[in-house]
Amino acid sequence: MRIAIPIANGKLCMHFGHCEEFALIDVDCDKKTILKNERIVAPVHQPGLLPRWLAERNAEVIIAGGMGSRAQELFAQNQIKVVIGAPSETPEKLVVAYLEGTMQSGENICDH
């Protein structure tokens, strides 16, 4: 499984559409381990671009702090599960929490 996390300054960027880069983390769900951690520069923000762009990079889950309802719909259309309400932590900590089942979708910090 590949998990996408928007990051700025090495931690989760609370608004995915304005991040500097994405961590694309490949995991073994059965062993609950990180197999590969790649960082790629985010494209310039354009409404509706990121769901398709991340789908093209084989993301299956996005962990975010906040996300508007339209963006959530677009991710769903691209078969990408959305987890919102995540804290500003390193991508590795977020992925471990997700794999261990201690991270659940929380309150959306996005107001649009």
Protein backbone atom coordinates (compact mmCIF):
# COMPACT_ATOMS: atom_id res chain seq x y z
CA MET A 1 0.00 0.00 0.00
CA ARG A 2 1.17 3.54 -0.73
CA ILE A 3 0.27 6.35 1.68
CA ALA A 4 0.57 10.01 0.69
CA ILE A 5 1.21 12.70 3.30
CA PRO A 6 1.45 16.44 2.50
CA ILE A 7 4.43 17.91 4.31
CA ALA A 8 6.02 21.26 5.08
CA ASN A 9 9.15 21.66 7.20
CA GLY A 10 9.33 17.87 7.70
CA LYS A 11 5.89 17.50 9.29
CA LEU A 12 2.29 17.15 8.15
CA CYS A 13 1.11 20.31 6.41
CA MET A 14 -2.28 21.01 7.92
CA HIS A 15 -3.78 22.01 4.55
CA PHE A 16 -2.80 19.49 1.91
CA GLY A 17 -3.31 21.88 -1.02
CA HIS A 18 -0.59 24.23 0.18
CA CYS A 19 2.18 21.77 1.05
CA GLU A 20 5.79 21.97 -0.15
CA GLU A 21 6.11 18.28 -0.91
CA PHE A 22 4.50 14.89 -0.42
CA ALA A 23 5.89 11.89 1.38
CA LEU A 24 4.92 8.78 -0.56
CA ILE A 25 5.38 5.89 1.83
CA ASP A 26 5.11 2.28 0.74
CA VAL A 27 4.09 -0.05 3.56
CA ASP A 28 3.59 -3.73 4.26
CA CYS A 29 0.20 -3.76 5.97
CA ASP A 30 0.59 -7.32 7.28
CA LYS A 31 3.98 -6.66 8.91
CA LYS A 32 3.06 -3.04 9.72
CA THR A 33 6.40 -1.80 8.39
CA ILE A 34 7.60 0.99 6.13
CA LEU A 35 9.21 -0.37 2.96
CA LYS A 36 10.07 2.87 1.16
CA ASN A 37 9.82 6.57 1.96
CA GLU A 38 10.03 8.92 -1.00
CA ARG A 39 9.59 12.69 -1.04
CA ILE A 40 8.42 14.50 -4.14
CA VAL A 41 7.85 18.19 -4.77
CA ALA A 42 4.17 19.07 -4.86
CA PRO A 43 2.76 20.59 -8.03
CA VAL A 44 1.52 24.16 -7.99
CA HIS A 45 -1.90 24.21 -6.30
CA GLN A 46 -4.81 23.97 -8.70
CA PRO A 47 -8.29 22.94 -7.57
CA GLY A 48 -8.90 19.26 -8.36
CA LEU A 49 -5.35 18.44 -9.48
CA LEU A 50 -3.94 16.61 -6.45
CA PRO A 51 -6.34 13.64 -6.33
CA ARG A 52 -5.55 12.72 -9.93
CA TRP A 53 -1.84 13.51 -9.53
CA LEU A 54 -1.55 11.27 -6.45
CA ALA A 55 -3.59 8.50 -8.10
CA GLU A 56 -1.09 8.55 -10.98
CA ARG A 57 1.61 7.93 -8.34
CA ASN A 58 -0.34 4.93 -6.98
CA ALA A 59 -1.41 6.49 -3.68
CA GLU A 60 -4.16 4.50 -1.95
CA VAL A 61 -4.49 6.58 1.24
CA ILE A 62 -3.92 10.25 2.01
CA ILE A 63 -3.43 11.39 5.58
CA ALA A 64 -4.24 15.08 6.05
CA GLY A 65 -5.03 17.62 8.71
CA GLY A 66 -7.82 19.28 6.79
CA MET A 67 -9.55 18.98 3.46
CA GLY A 68 -12.63 20.48 1.89
CA SER A 69 -15.58 18.24 1.07
CA ARG A 70 -15.13 18.61 -2.70
CA ALA A 71 -11.51 17.46 -2.45
CA GLN A 72 -12.61 14.47 -0.37
CA GLU A 73 -15.10 13.57 -3.10
CA LEU A 74 -12.39 13.82 -5.77
CA PHE A 75 -10.07 11.56 -3.79
CA ALA A 76 -12.89 9.03 -3.42
CA GLN A 77 -13.48 9.15 -7.19
CA ASN A 78 -9.79 8.29 -7.62
CA GLN A 79 -10.08 5.35 -5.17
CA ILE A 80 -7.93 7.09 -2.53
CA LYS A 81 -9.03 6.73 1.09
CA VAL A 82 -8.97 10.01 3.02
CA VAL A 83 -7.94 10.22 6.66
CA ILE A 84 -8.41 13.74 8.06
CA GLY A 85 -7.83 15.36 11.41
CA ALA A 86 -4.26 14.08 11.73
CA PRO A 87 -1.85 16.00 13.98
CA SER A 88 1.23 17.85 12.74
CA GLU A 89 3.76 15.01 13.12
CA THR A 90 6.44 13.45 10.96
CA PRO A 91 5.18 11.28 8.11
CA GLU A 92 6.78 8.21 9.67
CA LYS A 93 4.95 8.67 12.99
CA LEU A 94 1.65 9.18 11.18
CA VAL A 95 2.11 6.07 9.07
CA VAL A 96 3.00 3.93 12.08
CA ALA A 97 -0.10 5.19 13.92
CA TYR A 98 -2.24 4.45 10.86
CA LEU A 99 -0.82 0.93 10.49
CA GLU A 100 -1.27 0.20 14.18
CA GLY A 101 -4.88 1.35 14.00
CA THR A 102 -4.41 4.15 16.52
CA MET A 103 -5.14 6.88 13.96
CA GLN A 104 -8.72 7.40 12.95
CA SER A 105 -10.31 10.12 10.87
CA GLY A 106 -10.79 13.04 13.24
CA GLU A 107 -12.11 16.55 13.10
CA ASN A 108 -11.54 18.29 9.80
CA ILE A 109 -9.53 21.44 10.43
CA CYS A 110 -10.41 22.79 6.99
CA ASP A 111 -13.23 25.32 6.79
CA HIS A 112 -14.13 24.92 3.11
